[in-house]
Amino acid sequence: MNVIPIESLTYTPEIIAKASGHFAAEGLDVQFQVTRGSAQAIQTVIAGGAQITRVGDTEMMVATGERGAPVKAVAQPSQASTLRVLSSAERPVATPQDMRGKMIGIPSEGGTSETLVDTLATSAGLTDTDLSKQVVGLSPGVFDLVKQGRIDAYLVAMDASVVVKQQEPGAVVLDPAQFIAGGTQVYMTSQETLDDPTKRDVVQRYLRAIKAAMEQVIADEPLDETLELLGSEYDIPVLKQPEVAKETLRTYIASWQANEGALLETPADKWTAIYEEAVGVGQLPAGLDPSAWFTNELLPGASS
């Protein structure tokens, strides 16, 4: 269950697991379905319409910590934020402190991007009155709004930031992972799936295939074979620019390994830091136990 179309380098592990036969080797026939945002994806998993989905860390925490949803994170495929803040050299937003007095563009109201802006602002001691936010969508021409002075910066996916940086060499790119713990992605399943040995085994096999795919991509240093495999399964626009695709993919690979530990593993200390950031921006109440919301027990090599 995907919250955005799979035709993106974001889903490289999933696409490679399918194209290279890692899913098949685990006896899995995996179908990807796009849903309208994280809320619907989480609800579909709870209802049994899908066994696993990939969502933002804070969205998963809010679902279970605030709303009591019977779900749990079972892996962390992206261990650092893959969103970026783009601005111009004339009015740069190179650090969270630089957002003071600025107008920040976001794709939509109330989503992951807005939460990320709020978290970055809080990390710099800023409040809502210190900056402004404006919905600008996701069109390729948003950087024109920066050049026109209508906004000072905006949130964008890593793929798009690489393309814009190539077109606008003077653009300033802020990487949230340099300042905050949140913005990662998790694989999430239902408690009902975890309690059912047969369904639990399916999720474990899925994660084994994903890890094998990640290891395959990491080993392919030139990335030529990886790009060929990605293109054999889906029409991914950035593949038309191989060097841009490779630069983007190397940044994604770095996000898979950001915790400097095992692939897919969720470190307890970083998970707690993400929770504390969510508390700081009012997404969750203080005093909860975030360790109950994730497990590493289903990862390859773990005892379960």
C-alpha atoms as a PDB file:
ATOM      1  CA  MET A   1       0.000   0.000   0.000  1.00  0.00           C
ATOM      2  CA  ASN A   2       1.781   3.152  -1.244  1.00  0.00           C
ATOM      3  CA  VAL A   3       0.868   6.733  -0.357  1.00  0.00           C
ATOM      4  CA  ILE A   4       2.351   8.050  -3.636  1.00  0.00           C
ATOM      5  CA  PRO A   5       2.643   6.371  -7.063  1.00  0.00           C
ATOM      6  CA  ILE A   6       5.365   3.729  -7.141  1.00  0.00           C
ATOM      7  CA  GLU A   7       6.981   5.316 -10.216  1.00  0.00           C
ATOM      8  CA  SER A   8       9.551   7.057  -8.023  1.00  0.00           C
ATOM      9  CA  LEU A   9      13.084   6.327  -6.854  1.00  0.00           C
ATOM     10  CA  THR A  10      11.640   6.476  -3.335  1.00  0.00           C
ATOM     11  CA  TYR A  11      10.433   2.927  -3.916  1.00  0.00           C
ATOM     12  CA  THR A  12      13.681   1.560  -5.357  1.00  0.00           C
ATOM     13  CA  PRO A  13      13.879  -1.293  -2.788  1.00  0.00           C
ATOM     14  CA  GLU A  14      10.349  -2.445  -3.609  1.00  0.00           C
ATOM     15  CA  ILE A  15      10.847  -2.228  -7.375  1.00  0.00           C
ATOM     16  CA  ILE A  16      14.199  -4.042  -7.284  1.00  0.00           C
ATOM     17  CA  ALA A  17      12.802  -6.728  -4.966  1.00  0.00           C
ATOM     18  CA  LYS A  18      10.201  -7.449  -7.622  1.00  0.00           C
ATOM     19  CA  ALA A  19      12.380  -7.035 -10.735  1.00  0.00           C
ATOM     20  CA  SER A  20      15.272  -9.120  -9.384  1.00  0.00           C
ATOM     21  CA  GLY A  21      13.107 -11.924  -8.044  1.00  0.00           C
ATOM     22  CA  HIS A  22      13.673 -11.360  -4.330  1.00  0.00           C
ATOM     23  CA  PHE A  23       9.936 -11.419  -3.651  1.00  0.00           C
ATOM     24  CA  ALA A  24       9.551 -14.554  -5.764  1.00  0.00           C
ATOM     25  CA  ALA A  25      12.429 -16.222  -3.910  1.00  0.00           C
ATOM     26  CA  GLU A  26      10.470 -15.691  -0.692  1.00  0.00           C
ATOM     27  CA  GLY A  27       7.340 -17.186  -2.250  1.00  0.00           C
ATOM     28  CA  LEU A  28       5.593 -13.819  -2.408  1.00  0.00           C
ATOM     29  CA  ASP A  29       3.350 -12.374  -5.107  1.00  0.00           C
ATOM     30  CA  VAL A  30       3.401  -8.685  -4.195  1.00  0.00           C
ATOM     31  CA  GLN A  31       0.927  -6.180  -5.622  1.00  0.00           C
ATOM     32  CA  PHE A  32       1.375  -2.437  -5.053  1.00  0.00           C
ATOM     33  CA  GLN A  33      -1.662  -0.200  -4.659  1.00  0.00           C
ATOM     34  CA  VAL A  34      -1.691   3.582  -4.387  1.00  0.00           C
ATOM     35  CA  THR A  35      -3.922   5.145  -1.768  1.00  0.00           C
ATOM     36  CA  ARG A  36      -4.988   8.704  -1.038  1.00  0.00           C
ATOM     37  CA  GLY A  37      -2.527   9.570   1.673  1.00  0.00           C
ATOM     38  CA  SER A  38      -1.260   7.998   4.871  1.00  0.00           C
ATOM     39  CA  ALA A  39      -4.559   8.052   6.767  1.00  0.00           C
ATOM     40  CA  GLN A  40      -6.242   5.833   4.188  1.00  0.00           C
ATOM     41  CA  ALA A  41      -3.196   3.555   3.970  1.00  0.00           C
ATOM     42  CA  ILE A  42      -3.165   3.053   7.737  1.00  0.00           C
ATOM     43  CA  GLN A  43      -6.902   2.382   7.823  1.00  0.00           C
ATOM     44  CA  THR A  44      -6.610  -0.123   4.966  1.00  0.00           C
ATOM     45  CA  VAL A  45      -3.929  -2.043   6.859  1.00  0.00           C
ATOM     46  CA  ILE A  46      -6.028  -2.061  10.039  1.00  0.00           C
ATOM     47  CA  ALA A  47      -9.026  -3.350   8.064  1.00  0.00           C
ATOM     48  CA  GLY A  48      -6.954  -6.158   6.534  1.00  0.00           C
ATOM     49  CA  GLY A  49      -7.066  -4.794   2.986  1.00  0.00           C
ATOM     50  CA  ALA A  50      -3.263  -4.712   2.920  1.00  0.00           C
ATOM     51  CA  GLN A  51      -0.667  -6.372   5.115  1.00  0.00           C
ATOM     52  CA  ILE A  52       1.949  -3.646   5.084  1.00  0.00           C
ATOM     53  CA  THR A  53       2.350   0.009   4.148  1.00  0.00           C
ATOM     54  CA  ARG A  54       5.115   2.580   4.161  1.00  0.00           C
ATOM     55  CA  VAL A  55       4.323   5.890   5.872  1.00  0.00           C
ATOM     56  CA  GLY A  56       6.002   8.770   7.658  1.00  0.00           C
ATOM     57  CA  ASP A  57       7.258   8.193  11.198  1.00  0.00           C
ATOM     58  CA  THR A  58       5.175  10.918  12.858  1.00  0.00           C
ATOM     59  CA  GLU A  59       2.017   9.907  10.994  1.00  0.00           C
ATOM     60  CA  MET A  60       2.405   6.375  12.318  1.00  0.00           C
ATOM     61  CA  MET A  61       3.079   7.653  15.847  1.00  0.00           C
ATOM     62  CA  VAL A  62       0.006   9.887  15.798  1.00  0.00           C
ATOM     63  CA  ALA A  63      -2.147   7.006  14.546  1.00  0.00           C
ATOM     64  CA  THR A  64      -1.224   4.728  17.431  1.00  0.00           C
ATOM     65  CA  GLY A  65      -0.198   7.180  20.177  1.00  0.00           C
ATOM     66  CA  GLU A  66      -2.967   9.751  19.754  1.00  0.00           C
ATOM     67  CA  ARG A  67      -5.758   7.721  18.163  1.00  0.00           C
ATOM     68  CA  GLY A  68      -5.047   4.277  19.584  1.00  0.00           C
ATOM     69  CA  ALA A  69      -4.801   2.549  16.195  1.00  0.00           C
ATOM     70  CA  PRO A  70      -3.714  -1.113  16.567  1.00  0.00           C
ATOM     71  CA  VAL A  71      -0.594  -0.774  14.404  1.00  0.00           C
ATOM     72  CA  LYS A  72       3.155  -1.069  14.863  1.00  0.00           C
ATOM     73  CA  ALA A  73       6.252  -0.063  12.892  1.00  0.00           C
ATOM     74  CA  VAL A  74       8.271  -3.138  11.887  1.00  0.00           C
ATOM     75  CA  ALA A  75      11.132  -1.555   9.908  1.00  0.00           C
ATOM     76  CA  GLN A  76      12.631   1.802   8.974  1.00  0.00           C
ATOM     77  CA  PRO A  77      13.567   1.729   5.258  1.00  0.00           C
ATOM     78  CA  SER A  78      14.409   5.435   5.100  1.00  0.00           C
ATOM     79  CA  GLN A  79      16.392   6.354   8.196  1.00  0.00           C
ATOM     80  CA  ALA A  80      16.614  10.074   7.395  1.00  0.00           C
ATOM     81  CA  SER A  81      14.283  12.589   5.805  1.00  0.00           C
ATOM     82  CA  THR A  82      14.172  12.510   2.020  1.00  0.00           C
ATOM     83  CA  LEU A  83      12.518  15.933   1.801  1.00  0.00           C
ATOM     84  CA  ARG A  84      14.517  19.079   1.144  1.00  0.00           C
ATOM     85  CA  VAL A  85      14.005  22.826   1.636  1.00  0.00           C
ATOM     86  CA  LEU A  86      14.940  24.843  -1.461  1.00  0.00           C
ATOM     87  CA  SER A  87      15.681  28.567  -1.473  1.00  0.00           C
ATOM     88  CA  SER A  88      17.724  31.130  -3.400  1.00  0.00           C
ATOM     89  CA  ALA A  89      21.172  32.512  -2.666  1.00  0.00           C
ATOM     90  CA  GLU A  90      19.618  35.983  -2.364  1.00  0.00           C
ATOM     91  CA  ARG A  91      17.413  34.973   0.601  1.00  0.00           C
ATOM     92  CA  PRO A  92      18.911  31.649   1.673  1.00  0.00           C
ATOM     93  CA  VAL A  93      17.329  29.209   4.094  1.00  0.00           C
ATOM     94  CA  ALA A  94      20.421  27.169   4.855  1.00  0.00           C
ATOM     95  CA  THR A  95      19.531  26.453   8.499  1.00  0.00           C
ATOM     96  CA  PRO A  96      16.273  26.348  10.480  1.00  0.00           C
ATOM     97  CA  GLN A  97      17.199  29.701  12.054  1.00  0.00           C
ATOM     98  CA  ASP A  98      17.094  31.236   8.565  1.00  0.00           C
ATOM     99  CA  MET A  99      13.328  30.591   8.402  1.00  0.00           C
ATOM    100  CA  ARG A 100      12.696  33.543  10.725  1.00  0.00           C
ATOM    101  CA  GLY A 101      10.662  36.156   8.861  1.00  0.00           C
ATOM    102  CA  LYS A 102      10.396  33.963   5.764  1.00  0.00           C
ATOM    103  CA  MET A 103       7.465  32.639   3.722  1.00  0.00           C
ATOM    104  CA  ILE A 104       7.807  28.852   3.341  1.00  0.00           C
ATOM    105  CA  GLY A 105       5.922  27.003   0.617  1.00  0.00           C
ATOM    106  CA  ILE A 106       4.402  23.600   1.413  1.00  0.00           C
ATOM    107  CA  PRO A 107       2.686  21.077  -0.911  1.00  0.00           C
ATOM    108  CA  SER A 108      -0.462  20.828   1.208  1.00  0.00           C
ATOM    109  CA  GLU A 109      -1.853  21.878   4.555  1.00  0.00           C
ATOM    110  CA  GLY A 110      -1.593  19.551   7.534  1.00  0.00           C
ATOM    111  CA  GLY A 111       0.629  16.939   5.904  1.00  0.00           C
ATOM    112  CA  THR A 112       4.119  15.558   6.421  1.00  0.00           C
ATOM    113  CA  SER A 113       5.754  18.604   4.841  1.00  0.00           C
ATOM    114  CA  GLU A 114       4.030  21.090   7.138  1.00  0.00           C
ATOM    115  CA  THR A 115       4.936  18.976  10.170  1.00  0.00           C
ATOM    116  CA  LEU A 116       8.545  18.964   8.983  1.00  0.00           C
ATOM    117  CA  VAL A 117       8.577  22.767   8.677  1.00  0.00           C
ATOM    118  CA  ASP A 118       7.111  23.080  12.185  1.00  0.00           C
ATOM    119  CA  THR A 119       9.693  20.652  13.586  1.00  0.00           C
ATOM    120  CA  LEU A 120      12.577  22.494  11.926  1.00  0.00           C
ATOM    121  CA  ALA A 121      11.252  25.798  13.264  1.00  0.00           C
ATOM    122  CA  THR A 122      10.899  24.418  16.791  1.00  0.00           C
ATOM    123  CA  SER A 123      14.465  23.067  16.660  1.00  0.00           C
ATOM    124  CA  ALA A 124      15.620  26.666  16.127  1.00  0.00           C
ATOM    125  CA  GLY A 125      13.420  28.085  18.883  1.00  0.00           C
ATOM    126  CA  LEU A 126      10.997  29.654  16.400  1.00  0.00           C
ATOM    127  CA  THR A 127       7.224  29.822  16.814  1.00  0.00           C
ATOM    128  CA  ASP A 128       4.323  30.122  14.365  1.00  0.00           C
ATOM    129  CA  THR A 129       4.551  33.902  14.507  1.00  0.00           C
ATOM    130  CA  ASP A 130       8.192  33.886  13.387  1.00  0.00           C
ATOM    131  CA  LEU A 131       7.474  32.567   9.880  1.00  0.00           C
ATOM    132  CA  SER A 132       4.643  32.123   7.393  1.00  0.00           C
ATOM    133  CA  LYS A 133       3.517  29.086   5.381  1.00  0.00           C
ATOM    134  CA  GLN A 134       1.733  29.001   2.058  1.00  0.00           C
ATOM    135  CA  VAL A 135       0.379  26.055   0.066  1.00  0.00           C
ATOM    136  CA  VAL A 136       2.125  26.005  -3.331  1.00  0.00           C
ATOM    137  CA  GLY A 137       1.519  22.455  -4.542  1.00  0.00           C
ATOM    138  CA  LEU A 138       4.074  20.202  -6.223  1.00  0.00           C
ATOM    139  CA  SER A 139       4.396  21.597  -9.751  1.00  0.00           C
ATOM    140  CA  PRO A 140       7.885  21.696 -11.323  1.00  0.00           C
ATOM    141  CA  GLY A 141       7.779  25.504 -11.565  1.00  0.00           C
ATOM    142  CA  VAL A 142       7.562  26.269  -7.843  1.00  0.00           C
ATOM    143  CA  PHE A 143      11.147  27.562  -7.795  1.00  0.00           C
ATOM    144  CA  ASP A 144       9.923  30.376 -10.058  1.00  0.00           C
ATOM    145  CA  LEU A 145       7.893  31.601  -7.071  1.00  0.00           C
ATOM    146  CA  VAL A 146      11.159  31.833  -5.136  1.00  0.00           C
ATOM    147  CA  LYS A 147      12.847  33.787  -7.923  1.00  0.00           C
ATOM    148  CA  GLN A 148       9.835  36.114  -8.115  1.00  0.00           C
ATOM    149  CA  GLY A 149       9.997  36.746  -4.358  1.00  0.00           C
ATOM    150  CA  ARG A 150       6.495  35.410  -3.722  1.00  0.00           C
ATOM    151  CA  ILE A 151       7.885  32.768  -1.346  1.00  0.00           C
ATOM    152  CA  ASP A 152      11.335  32.438   0.218  1.00  0.00           C
ATOM    153  CA  ALA A 153      11.672  28.661   0.269  1.00  0.00           C
ATOM    154  CA  TYR A 154       9.628  25.501  -0.196  1.00  0.00           C
ATOM    155  CA  LEU A 155       9.522  21.797   0.658  1.00  0.00           C
ATOM    156  CA  VAL A 156      10.206  19.309  -2.120  1.00  0.00           C
ATOM    157  CA  ALA A 157      11.027  15.612  -2.540  1.00  0.00           C
ATOM    158  CA  MET A 158      14.683  14.745  -2.932  1.00  0.00           C
ATOM    159  CA  ASP A 159      14.238  13.677  -6.586  1.00  0.00           C
ATOM    160  CA  ALA A 160      12.922  17.114  -7.495  1.00  0.00           C
ATOM    161  CA  SER A 161      15.572  18.945  -5.471  1.00  0.00           C
ATOM    162  CA  VAL A 162      18.346  17.290  -7.490  1.00  0.00           C
ATOM    163  CA  VAL A 163      16.676  18.329 -10.749  1.00  0.00           C
ATOM    164  CA  VAL A 164      16.160  21.923  -9.561  1.00  0.00           C
ATOM    165  CA  LYS A 165      19.755  22.152  -8.327  1.00  0.00           C
ATOM    166  CA  GLN A 166      20.939  21.059 -11.762  1.00  0.00           C
ATOM    167  CA  GLN A 167      18.769  23.704 -13.447  1.00  0.00           C
ATOM    168  CA  GLU A 168      19.459  26.386 -10.823  1.00  0.00           C
ATOM    169  CA  PRO A 169      23.073  25.930  -9.634  1.00  0.00           C
ATOM    170  CA  GLY A 170      22.679  28.820  -7.192  1.00  0.00           C
ATOM    171  CA  ALA A 171      19.778  27.206  -5.345  1.00  0.00           C
ATOM    172  CA  VAL A 172      20.348  26.582  -1.630  1.00  0.00           C
ATOM    173  CA  VAL A 173      19.360  23.145  -0.323  1.00  0.00           C
ATOM    174  CA  LEU A 174      18.616  22.472   3.360  1.00  0.00           C
ATOM    175  CA  ASP A 175      18.755  18.828   4.424  1.00  0.00           C
ATOM    176  CA  PRO A 176      16.434  18.400   7.449  1.00  0.00           C
ATOM    177  CA  ALA A 177      18.378  15.348   8.639  1.00  0.00           C
ATOM    178  CA  GLN A 178      21.241  17.662   9.592  1.00  0.00           C
ATOM    179  CA  PHE A 179      19.021  19.264  12.221  1.00  0.00           C
ATOM    180  CA  ILE A 180      16.209  16.907  13.294  1.00  0.00           C
ATOM    181  CA  ALA A 181      15.595  13.182  13.784  1.00  0.00           C
ATOM    182  CA  GLY A 182      12.130  13.053  12.200  1.00  0.00           C
ATOM    183  CA  GLY A 183      11.043  12.789   8.605  1.00  0.00           C
ATOM    184  CA  THR A 184      11.958   9.112   8.263  1.00  0.00           C
ATOM    185  CA  GLN A 185       9.709   6.417   6.812  1.00  0.00           C
ATOM    186  CA  VAL A 186       8.572   3.159   8.371  1.00  0.00           C
ATOM    187  CA  TYR A 187       6.976  -0.067   7.259  1.00  0.00           C
ATOM    188  CA  MET A 188       3.868  -0.516   9.362  1.00  0.00           C
ATOM    189  CA  THR A 189       1.527  -3.439   9.878  1.00  0.00           C
ATOM    190  CA  SER A 190      -1.453  -4.203  12.094  1.00  0.00           C
ATOM    191  CA  GLN A 191      -1.321  -5.835  15.494  1.00  0.00           C
ATOM    192  CA  GLU A 192      -3.676  -8.491  14.123  1.00  0.00           C
ATOM    193  CA  THR A 193      -1.051  -9.413  11.518  1.00  0.00           C
ATOM    194  CA  LEU A 194       1.674  -9.570  14.158  1.00  0.00           C
ATOM    195  CA  ASP A 195      -0.455 -11.850  16.337  1.00  0.00           C
ATOM    196  CA  ASP A 196      -1.180 -14.292  13.484  1.00  0.00           C
ATOM    197  CA  PRO A 197       1.867 -16.572  12.890  1.00  0.00           C
ATOM    198  CA  THR A 198       1.071 -17.087   9.202  1.00  0.00           C
ATOM    199  CA  LYS A 199       0.595 -13.386   8.443  1.00  0.00           C
ATOM    200  CA  ARG A 200       3.592 -12.464  10.584  1.00  0.00           C
ATOM    201  CA  ASP A 201       5.723 -14.836   8.513  1.00  0.00           C
ATOM    202  CA  VAL A 202       4.581 -13.119   5.310  1.00  0.00           C
ATOM    203  CA  VAL A 203       5.753  -9.752   6.650  1.00  0.00           C
ATOM    204  CA  GLN A 204       9.085 -11.259   7.678  1.00  0.00           C
ATOM    205  CA  ARG A 205       9.582 -12.674   4.185  1.00  0.00           C
ATOM    206  CA  TYR A 206       8.674  -9.301   2.686  1.00  0.00           C
ATOM    207  CA  LEU A 207      11.317  -7.577   4.813  1.00  0.00           C
ATOM    208  CA  ARG A 208      13.934 -10.190   3.866  1.00  0.00           C
ATOM    209  CA  ALA A 209      13.264  -9.468   0.198  1.00  0.00           C
ATOM    210  CA  ILE A 210      13.481  -5.707   0.757  1.00  0.00           C
ATOM    211  CA  LYS A 211      16.794  -6.045   2.589  1.00  0.00           C
ATOM    212  CA  ALA A 212      18.184  -8.249  -0.193  1.00  0.00           C
ATOM    213  CA  ALA A 213      17.141  -5.628  -2.744  1.00  0.00           C
ATOM    214  CA  MET A 214      18.818  -2.856  -0.757  1.00  0.00           C
ATOM    215  CA  GLU A 215      22.026  -4.870  -0.495  1.00  0.00           C
ATOM    216  CA  GLN A 216      21.944  -5.513  -4.247  1.00  0.00           C
ATOM    217  CA  VAL A 217      21.604  -1.798  -5.025  1.00  0.00           C
ATOM    218  CA  ILE A 218      24.349  -0.830  -2.557  1.00  0.00           C
ATOM    219  CA  ALA A 219      26.700  -3.367  -4.177  1.00  0.00           C
ATOM    220  CA  ASP A 220      25.998  -1.938  -7.652  1.00  0.00           C
ATOM    221  CA  GLU A 221      28.307   1.066  -7.273  1.00  0.00           C
ATOM    222  CA  PRO A 222      27.991   2.310 -10.893  1.00  0.00           C
ATOM    223  CA  LEU A 223      24.176   1.868 -10.577  1.00  0.00           C
ATOM    224  CA  ASP A 224      23.816   1.064 -14.288  1.00  0.00           C
ATOM    225  CA  GLU A 225      22.230  -2.324 -13.635  1.00  0.00           C
ATOM    226  CA  THR A 226      19.946  -0.806 -11.015  1.00  0.00           C
ATOM    227  CA  LEU A 227      18.670   1.875 -13.402  1.00  0.00           C
ATOM    228  CA  GLU A 228      18.078  -0.767 -16.076  1.00  0.00           C
ATOM    229  CA  LEU A 229      16.055  -2.892 -13.652  1.00  0.00           C
ATOM    230  CA  LEU A 230      14.030   0.089 -12.463  1.00  0.00           C
ATOM    231  CA  GLY A 231      13.219   1.026 -16.048  1.00  0.00           C
ATOM    232  CA  SER A 232      12.234  -2.537 -16.897  1.00  0.00           C
ATOM    233  CA  GLU A 233       9.369  -2.383 -14.396  1.00  0.00           C
ATOM    234  CA  TYR A 234       8.116   1.204 -14.418  1.00  0.00           C
ATOM    235  CA  ASP A 235       8.257   4.438 -16.393  1.00  0.00           C
ATOM    236  CA  ILE A 236      10.102   6.647 -13.905  1.00  0.00           C
ATOM    237  CA  PRO A 237      10.622  10.134 -15.396  1.00  0.00           C
ATOM    238  CA  VAL A 238      14.026  10.818 -13.812  1.00  0.00           C
ATOM    239  CA  LEU A 239      15.510   7.737 -15.535  1.00  0.00           C
ATOM    240  CA  LYS A 240      15.540   9.771 -18.752  1.00  0.00           C
ATOM    241  CA  GLN A 241      18.441  11.666 -17.130  1.00  0.00           C
ATOM    242  CA  PRO A 242      20.727   8.824 -15.960  1.00  0.00           C
ATOM    243  CA  GLU A 243      23.299  10.977 -14.169  1.00  0.00           C
ATOM    244  CA  VAL A 244      20.606  12.876 -12.277  1.00  0.00           C
ATOM    245  CA  ALA A 245      18.948   9.559 -11.424  1.00  0.00           C
ATOM    246  CA  LYS A 246      22.234   8.169 -10.103  1.00  0.00           C
ATOM    247  CA  GLU A 247      22.912  11.243  -7.969  1.00  0.00           C
ATOM    248  CA  THR A 248      19.399  11.039  -6.551  1.00  0.00           C
ATOM    249  CA  LEU A 249      19.637   7.318  -5.922  1.00  0.00           C
ATOM    250  CA  ARG A 250      22.947   7.657  -4.087  1.00  0.00           C
ATOM    251  CA  THR A 251      21.270  10.114  -1.727  1.00  0.00           C
ATOM    252  CA  TYR A 252      18.439   7.641  -1.161  1.00  0.00           C
ATOM    253  CA  ILE A 253      21.003   4.905  -0.481  1.00  0.00           C
ATOM    254  CA  ALA A 254      22.594   7.161   2.137  1.00  0.00           C
ATOM    255  CA  SER A 255      19.170   7.557   3.774  1.00  0.00           C
ATOM    256  CA  TRP A 256      18.848   3.762   4.030  1.00  0.00           C
ATOM    257  CA  GLN A 257      22.113   3.695   6.012  1.00  0.00           C
ATOM    258  CA  ALA A 258      21.768   6.924   7.996  1.00  0.00           C
ATOM    259  CA  ASN A 259      21.609   5.157  11.371  1.00  0.00           C
ATOM    260  CA  GLU A 260      24.995   3.527  10.742  1.00  0.00           C
ATOM    261  CA  GLY A 261      23.529   0.234  11.876  1.00  0.00           C
ATOM    262  CA  ALA A 262      21.664  -2.592  10.224  1.00  0.00           C
ATOM    263  CA  LEU A 263      19.482  -1.875   7.221  1.00  0.00           C
ATOM    264  CA  LEU A 264      15.814  -1.415   8.167  1.00  0.00           C
ATOM    265  CA  GLU A 265      16.574  -1.308  11.904  1.00  0.00           C
ATOM    266  CA  THR A 266      14.884   1.288  14.117  1.00  0.00           C
ATOM    267  CA  PRO A 267      17.184   2.499  16.948  1.00  0.00           C
ATOM    268  CA  ALA A 268      15.309   3.096  20.193  1.00  0.00           C
ATOM    269  CA  ASP A 269      17.097   6.370  20.955  1.00  0.00           C
ATOM    270  CA  LYS A 270      16.333   7.909  17.575  1.00  0.00           C
ATOM    271  CA  TRP A 271      12.715   6.704  17.769  1.00  0.00           C
ATOM    272  CA  THR A 272      12.383   8.452  21.127  1.00  0.00           C
ATOM    273  CA  ALA A 273      13.921  11.614  19.658  1.00  0.00           C
ATOM    274  CA  ILE A 274      11.331  11.581  16.843  1.00  0.00           C
ATOM    275  CA  TYR A 275       8.555  11.232  19.432  1.00  0.00           C
ATOM    276  CA  GLU A 276       9.930  14.134  21.468  1.00  0.00           C
ATOM    277  CA  GLU A 277      10.007  16.298  18.338  1.00  0.00           C
ATOM    278  CA  ALA A 278       6.359  15.383  17.668  1.00  0.00           C
ATOM    279  CA  VAL A 279       5.503  16.408  21.238  1.00  0.00           C
ATOM    280  CA  GLY A 280       7.336  19.693  20.699  1.00  0.00           C
ATOM    281  CA  VAL A 281       5.109  20.674  17.759  1.00  0.00           C
ATOM    282  CA  GLY A 282       1.888  19.511  19.421  1.00  0.00           C
ATOM    283  CA  GLN A 283       1.376  16.373  17.343  1.00  0.00           C
ATOM    284  CA  LEU A 284       1.416  14.100  20.404  1.00  0.00           C
ATOM    285  CA  PRO A 285       1.008  14.509  24.168  1.00  0.00           C
ATOM    286  CA  ALA A 286       4.001  14.104  26.454  1.00  0.00           C
ATOM    287  CA  GLY A 287       4.372  11.139  28.779  1.00  0.00           C
ATOM    288  CA  LEU A 288       3.677   8.303  26.325  1.00  0.00           C
ATOM    289  CA  ASP A 289       5.918   5.278  25.761  1.00  0.00           C
ATOM    290  CA  PRO A 290       6.987   5.302  22.083  1.00  0.00           C
ATOM    291  CA  SER A 291       8.963   2.064  22.486  1.00  0.00           C
ATOM    292  CA  ALA A 292       5.638   0.194  22.377  1.00  0.00           C
ATOM    293  CA  TRP A 293       4.996   1.453  18.844  1.00  0.00           C
ATOM    294  CA  PHE A 294       7.844  -0.298  17.016  1.00  0.00           C
ATOM    295  CA  THR A 295       9.672  -3.606  16.899  1.00  0.00           C
ATOM    296  CA  ASN A 296      12.830  -4.901  15.223  1.00  0.00           C
ATOM    297  CA  GLU A 297      11.863  -8.522  15.870  1.00  0.00           C
ATOM    298  CA  LEU A 298      10.723  -9.204  12.306  1.00  0.00           C
ATOM    299  CA  LEU A 299      13.950  -8.078  10.658  1.00  0.00           C
ATOM    300  CA  PRO A 300      16.274 -10.609   9.005  1.00  0.00           C
ATOM    301  CA  GLY A 301      18.481 -12.217  11.626  1.00  0.00           C
ATOM    302  CA  ALA A 302      16.318 -11.153  14.566  1.00  0.00           C
ATOM    303  CA  SER A 303      14.788 -13.670  16.942  1.00  0.00           C
ATOM    304  CA  SER A 304      10.974 -13.571  16.925  1.00  0.00           C
END
